Amino acid sequence: MAAAGLGALLESVRYEVLPAKATEDKVLAHVPRDVVVTVTASPVKGLEPTLDLAGRLAAHGYRVVPHVPARLLRDDAHLKDVVDRLAEAGIADVFVPAGDADPPAGGYDGALPVLRGLSELGSPFARVGVTGYPESHPLIHDDVTVQAMWDKRSHATYIVSNLCFDPRVLGEWLVRIRNRGITLPVHVGVAGPVQRAKLLAMATKIGVGESTRFLTKHASWFVRFATPGGYAPERLLSRAEAALTAPSAGVAGLHLFTFNQIAETEKWRRALLDRLGA
């Protein structure tokens, strides 16, 4: 692996965590303050655990990015309340996906109306992230997802790509969105060093209905994690290195899905940085 390029990406990293009971203690114990922490939101538990954990981590000095899924917002007043609460906590960065809540909590069924709502509120956040899909979305055609990024470009400041395990697909997607005139910087989503048993344990803790949804939606992940030699994050990064570090790709850093294996993820990152000499 090329030390300079990948080392820089590993230094510009974000850790995605779930708002579970032990998450705050794990972050405090293992995550340096210069690592951005993003907090997911659950369609079962709603936004409250996300907002609560985001506020507590911000008070500890972390740069925190709460997920604010459109389909968890009840209405414009709820959006305003969320904005005010995050502003009071000193949070200046949010990630706005559509979300998986079915049915939606209110009138928002996608991210774009929420992004427009934030703009109408005076663009209260310095940074606003939206989703990108290198691998095909199960319900949305690829051309639609690329068009959606184009539609959101004037309201967002960066893209976070969903998980992708194929370096060729990832590289082709980066070229494709740039060819379509999408210039927002990309934080490339990469699964950390996840163990299948711990991933299953995490899934069972997030609620029966949501666990079923999670396992159904991401069944292929378990196959990749469980197969000997099937997945290693450093191998994916090595094979995708040219695509990720090309100046034209506009990759700003890595977005590591920790699945709350926070200590293991940071240990892996530090070890890889040491090997790269970064």
Protein backbone atom coordinates (compact mmCIF):
# COMPACT_ATOMS: atom_id res chain seq x y z
CA MET A 1 0.00 0.00 0.00
CA ALA A 2 1.13 3.54 -0.70
CA ALA A 3 1.99 5.02 2.68
CA ALA A 4 1.41 8.69 1.89
CA GLY A 5 -2.00 8.40 0.25
CA LEU A 6 -3.61 5.79 2.46
CA GLY A 7 -1.95 7.14 5.56
CA ALA A 8 -3.57 10.51 4.93
CA LEU A 9 -6.97 8.86 4.50
CA LEU A 10 -6.54 6.91 7.73
CA GLU A 11 -5.66 10.14 9.54
CA SER A 12 -8.79 11.82 8.12
CA VAL A 13 -11.14 9.24 9.55
CA ARG A 14 -14.66 9.14 10.92
CA TYR A 15 -15.99 6.41 13.24
CA GLU A 16 -19.65 5.51 12.91
CA VAL A 17 -21.10 4.25 16.22
CA LEU A 18 -24.51 3.13 17.40
CA PRO A 19 -26.12 4.86 20.41
CA ALA A 20 -26.02 1.88 22.75
CA LYS A 21 -25.64 1.92 26.53
CA ALA A 22 -21.87 1.42 26.56
CA THR A 23 -21.00 3.53 23.52
CA GLU A 24 -20.03 6.69 25.40
CA ASP A 25 -17.58 4.83 27.65
CA LYS A 26 -16.07 2.98 24.67
CA VAL A 27 -15.53 6.21 22.75
CA LEU A 28 -13.95 7.94 25.75
CA ALA A 29 -11.67 4.98 26.40
CA HIS A 30 -10.45 4.37 22.86
CA VAL A 31 -11.13 7.22 20.41
CA PRO A 32 -8.73 10.19 20.15
CA ARG A 33 -10.33 13.62 20.15
CA ASP A 34 -9.14 14.29 16.59
CA VAL A 35 -11.27 11.44 15.25
CA VAL A 36 -14.75 12.48 14.11
CA VAL A 37 -17.53 10.39 15.67
CA THR A 38 -20.80 9.92 13.81
CA VAL A 39 -23.86 8.61 15.67
CA THR A 40 -26.48 6.55 13.87
CA ALA A 41 -30.23 6.76 14.42
CA SER A 42 -32.62 3.85 14.82
CA PRO A 43 -36.04 3.62 13.15
CA VAL A 44 -37.18 1.68 16.23
CA LYS A 45 -35.76 3.89 18.98
CA GLY A 46 -36.11 7.21 17.17
CA LEU A 47 -33.87 10.25 17.28
CA GLU A 48 -33.68 10.78 21.04
CA PRO A 49 -30.82 8.33 21.80
CA THR A 50 -28.84 9.81 18.90
CA LEU A 51 -29.30 13.40 20.00
CA ASP A 52 -28.56 12.54 23.62
CA LEU A 53 -25.32 10.68 22.87
CA ALA A 54 -24.22 13.31 20.34
CA GLY A 55 -24.65 16.04 22.93
CA ARG A 56 -22.71 14.13 25.58
CA LEU A 57 -19.82 13.33 23.24
CA ALA A 58 -19.68 16.95 22.06
CA ALA A 59 -19.42 18.02 25.71
CA HIS A 60 -16.40 15.72 26.01
CA GLY A 61 -14.69 17.62 23.21
CA TYR A 62 -15.39 15.38 20.24
CA ARG A 63 -16.43 16.63 16.83
CA VAL A 64 -19.72 14.77 16.56
CA VAL A 65 -21.95 14.16 13.55
CA PRO A 66 -25.45 12.97 14.46
CA HIS A 67 -27.48 11.18 11.82
CA VAL A 68 -30.81 12.92 11.23
CA PRO A 69 -32.83 10.60 8.97
CA ALA A 70 -35.62 12.35 7.13
CA ARG A 71 -38.13 9.60 7.82
CA LEU A 72 -37.71 10.02 11.60
CA LEU A 73 -38.74 13.69 11.53
CA ARG A 74 -42.39 14.39 12.26
CA ASP A 75 -42.71 17.83 10.67
CA ASP A 76 -41.04 21.22 10.18
CA ALA A 77 -41.42 22.05 13.87
CA HIS A 78 -39.63 18.83 14.84
CA LEU A 79 -36.80 19.67 12.44
CA LYS A 80 -36.50 23.12 14.01
CA ASP A 81 -36.39 21.60 17.49
CA VAL A 82 -33.61 19.21 16.43
CA VAL A 83 -31.64 22.07 14.87
CA ASP A 84 -31.97 24.18 18.02
CA ARG A 85 -30.91 21.31 20.27
CA LEU A 86 -27.83 20.49 18.21
CA ALA A 87 -26.86 24.15 17.93
CA GLU A 88 -27.09 24.48 21.71
CA ALA A 89 -24.72 21.51 22.02
CA GLY A 90 -22.24 23.22 19.71
CA ILE A 91 -22.66 20.67 16.92
CA ALA A 92 -21.95 22.07 13.47
CA ASP A 93 -22.09 18.93 11.30
CA VAL A 94 -25.03 16.62 10.52
CA PHE A 95 -25.58 13.66 8.23
CA VAL A 96 -29.00 13.55 6.55
CA PRO A 97 -29.98 10.21 4.99
CA ALA A 98 -33.49 9.27 3.97
CA GLY A 99 -33.61 6.60 6.67
CA ASP A 100 -35.37 3.26 6.91
CA ALA A 101 -38.44 4.08 9.03
CA ASP A 102 -41.48 2.51 7.37
CA PRO A 103 -43.86 4.20 7.53
CA PRO A 104 -42.19 7.58 8.00
CA ALA A 105 -42.82 9.41 11.27
CA GLY A 106 -44.23 12.36 9.33
CA GLY A 107 -44.27 14.06 5.96
CA TYR A 108 -40.60 13.65 5.00
CA ASP A 109 -40.02 10.60 2.82
CA GLY A 110 -36.54 11.52 1.58
CA ALA A 111 -33.51 13.61 2.43
CA LEU A 112 -33.97 16.42 -0.11
CA PRO A 113 -36.98 18.09 1.58
CA VAL A 114 -35.07 18.09 4.89
CA LEU A 115 -32.02 19.59 3.21
CA ARG A 116 -34.23 22.30 1.72
CA GLY A 117 -35.73 22.86 5.15
CA LEU A 118 -32.27 23.36 6.64
CA SER A 119 -31.48 25.90 3.92
CA GLU A 120 -34.73 27.73 4.71
CA LEU A 121 -33.66 27.81 8.37
CA GLY A 122 -30.55 29.72 7.33
CA SER A 123 -28.19 26.76 6.82
CA PRO A 124 -27.48 26.38 10.55
CA PHE A 125 -24.76 23.73 10.10
CA ALA A 126 -21.35 24.41 8.58
CA ARG A 127 -21.22 20.84 7.23
CA VAL A 128 -24.05 18.66 5.94
CA GLY A 129 -23.51 15.13 4.65
CA VAL A 130 -25.61 13.02 2.29
CA THR A 131 -25.48 9.38 1.20
CA GLY A 132 -23.80 7.86 -1.85
CA TYR A 133 -24.34 4.28 -3.10
CA PRO A 134 -21.33 2.67 -4.84
CA GLU A 135 -23.13 -0.68 -4.87
CA SER A 136 -26.69 -0.77 -6.16
CA HIS A 137 -29.41 0.16 -3.71
CA PRO A 138 -31.91 -2.71 -3.40
CA LEU A 139 -34.89 -0.43 -4.08
CA ILE A 140 -33.49 2.48 -6.11
CA HIS A 141 -31.96 2.43 -9.60
CA ASP A 142 -28.32 3.56 -9.80
CA ASP A 143 -29.18 6.48 -12.09
CA VAL A 144 -31.68 7.71 -9.51
CA THR A 145 -29.15 7.65 -6.68
CA VAL A 146 -26.63 9.61 -8.75
CA GLN A 147 -29.31 12.10 -9.75
CA ALA A 148 -30.29 12.45 -6.10
CA MET A 149 -26.72 13.47 -5.22
CA TRP A 150 -26.87 16.07 -7.99
CA ASP A 151 -30.18 17.41 -6.64
CA LYS A 152 -28.71 17.68 -3.13
CA ARG A 153 -25.42 19.30 -4.11
CA SER A 154 -26.47 22.89 -3.36
CA HIS A 155 -27.65 21.96 0.14
CA ALA A 156 -24.87 19.53 1.19
CA THR A 157 -21.12 19.88 1.70
CA TYR A 158 -19.98 16.25 1.46
CA ILE A 159 -20.99 12.68 0.60
CA VAL A 160 -20.59 9.55 2.73
CA SER A 161 -20.56 6.40 0.62
CA ASN A 162 -22.41 3.35 1.81
CA LEU A 163 -20.50 0.13 2.37
CA CYS A 164 -18.78 -1.34 -0.68
CA PHE A 165 -16.64 -4.49 -0.68
CA ASP A 166 -15.56 -4.38 -4.33
CA PRO A 167 -12.62 -2.06 -5.13
CA ARG A 168 -13.47 -2.05 -8.84
CA VAL A 169 -17.08 -1.02 -8.21
CA LEU A 170 -15.93 1.66 -5.77
CA GLY A 171 -13.43 3.10 -8.25
CA GLU A 172 -15.93 3.09 -11.10
CA TRP A 173 -18.52 4.84 -8.92
CA LEU A 174 -16.10 7.62 -8.00
CA VAL A 175 -15.34 8.20 -11.69
CA ARG A 176 -19.02 8.08 -12.57
CA ILE A 177 -20.19 10.70 -10.09
CA ARG A 178 -17.33 13.04 -11.08
CA ASN A 179 -18.24 12.60 -14.73
CA ARG A 180 -21.80 13.61 -13.82
CA GLY A 181 -20.49 16.89 -12.38
CA ILE A 182 -20.85 15.99 -8.69
CA THR A 183 -17.92 17.73 -7.00
CA LEU A 184 -18.71 17.26 -3.31
CA PRO A 185 -15.87 15.62 -1.35
CA VAL A 186 -16.45 11.95 -0.53
CA HIS A 187 -15.84 10.12 2.75
CA VAL A 188 -15.54 6.50 1.64
CA GLY A 189 -17.49 4.02 3.77
CA VAL A 190 -15.41 1.03 4.84
CA ALA A 191 -16.29 -1.72 7.31
CA GLY A 192 -13.77 -1.99 10.11
CA PRO A 193 -12.20 -5.25 11.32
CA VAL A 194 -15.56 -6.76 12.22
CA GLN A 195 -15.96 -10.22 13.70
CA ARG A 196 -19.11 -12.03 12.61
CA ALA A 197 -20.01 -13.22 16.13
CA LYS A 198 -19.80 -9.69 17.50
CA LEU A 199 -21.76 -8.32 14.57
CA LEU A 200 -24.52 -10.85 15.24
CA ALA A 201 -24.48 -9.98 18.94
CA MET A 202 -24.78 -6.28 18.11
CA ALA A 203 -27.69 -6.97 15.77
CA THR A 204 -29.58 -8.85 18.47
CA LYS A 205 -29.22 -5.91 20.88
CA ILE A 206 -30.87 -3.30 18.68
CA GLY A 207 -34.40 -4.69 18.97
CA VAL A 208 -36.19 -7.71 17.53
CA GLY A 209 -37.91 -5.93 14.64
CA GLU A 210 -34.89 -3.88 13.75
CA SER A 211 -32.55 -6.87 14.03
CA THR A 212 -34.67 -8.76 11.54
CA ARG A 213 -34.58 -5.79 9.19
CA PHE A 214 -30.82 -5.41 9.66
CA LEU A 215 -30.05 -9.10 9.03
CA THR A 216 -32.36 -9.27 6.01
CA LYS A 217 -30.97 -6.10 4.47
CA HIS A 218 -27.32 -7.00 5.09
CA ALA A 219 -27.24 -10.80 4.86
CA SER A 220 -24.36 -10.68 2.34
CA TRP A 221 -22.20 -8.84 4.90
CA PHE A 222 -22.23 -11.85 7.20
CA VAL A 223 -21.13 -14.14 4.40
CA ARG A 224 -18.19 -11.84 3.66
CA PHE A 225 -17.18 -11.49 7.30
CA ALA A 226 -17.53 -15.22 8.06
CA THR A 227 -15.71 -16.63 5.03
CA PRO A 228 -12.00 -17.28 5.69
CA GLY A 229 -10.13 -14.65 3.70
CA GLY A 230 -13.47 -13.14 2.67
CA TYR A 231 -12.95 -9.64 4.03
CA ALA A 232 -10.15 -7.62 5.53
CA PRO A 233 -10.31 -3.81 5.47
CA GLU A 234 -6.60 -3.41 4.70
CA ARG A 235 -6.95 -5.68 1.66
CA LEU A 236 -9.84 -3.62 0.33
CA LEU A 237 -7.88 -0.40 0.89
CA SER A 238 -4.81 -1.83 -0.81
CA ARG A 239 -6.77 -2.88 -3.89
CA ALA A 240 -8.66 0.40 -4.04
CA GLU A 241 -5.63 2.58 -3.27
CA ALA A 242 -5.20 4.01 -6.77
CA ALA A 243 -8.89 4.92 -7.04
CA LEU A 244 -9.08 6.42 -3.55
CA THR A 245 -5.94 8.54 -3.80
CA ALA A 246 -6.38 9.84 -7.36
CA PRO A 247 -6.72 13.65 -7.16
CA SER A 248 -9.74 13.53 -9.45
CA ALA A 249 -11.59 11.21 -7.04
CA GLY A 250 -11.98 13.92 -4.41
CA VAL A 251 -11.81 11.48 -1.48
CA ALA A 252 -11.56 13.43 1.78
CA GLY A 253 -11.08 10.49 4.12
CA LEU A 254 -12.51 7.21 5.36
CA HIS A 255 -15.82 6.65 7.12
CA LEU A 256 -15.32 3.50 9.20
CA PHE A 257 -18.38 1.50 10.17
CA THR A 258 -17.35 0.19 13.60
CA PHE A 259 -20.56 -1.73 14.45
CA ASN A 260 -19.58 -0.61 17.98
CA GLN A 261 -16.36 -2.61 17.89
CA ILE A 262 -14.68 0.66 18.74
CA ALA A 263 -11.56 -0.53 20.56
CA GLU A 264 -10.85 -3.08 17.84
CA THR A 265 -11.28 -0.50 15.10
CA GLU A 266 -8.91 2.01 16.67
CA LYS A 267 -6.33 -0.69 17.41
CA TRP A 268 -6.49 -1.80 13.77
CA ARG A 269 -6.16 1.78 12.48
CA ARG A 270 -3.15 2.55 14.68
CA ALA A 271 -1.43 -0.68 13.68
CA LEU A 272 -1.99 0.01 9.99
CA LEU A 273 -0.71 3.57 10.33
CA ASP A 274 2.39 2.23 12.06
CA ARG A 275 2.97 -0.26 9.24
CA LEU A 276 2.56 2.49 6.67
CA GLY A 277 4.97 4.70 8.58
CA ALA A 278 2.38 7.47 8.65
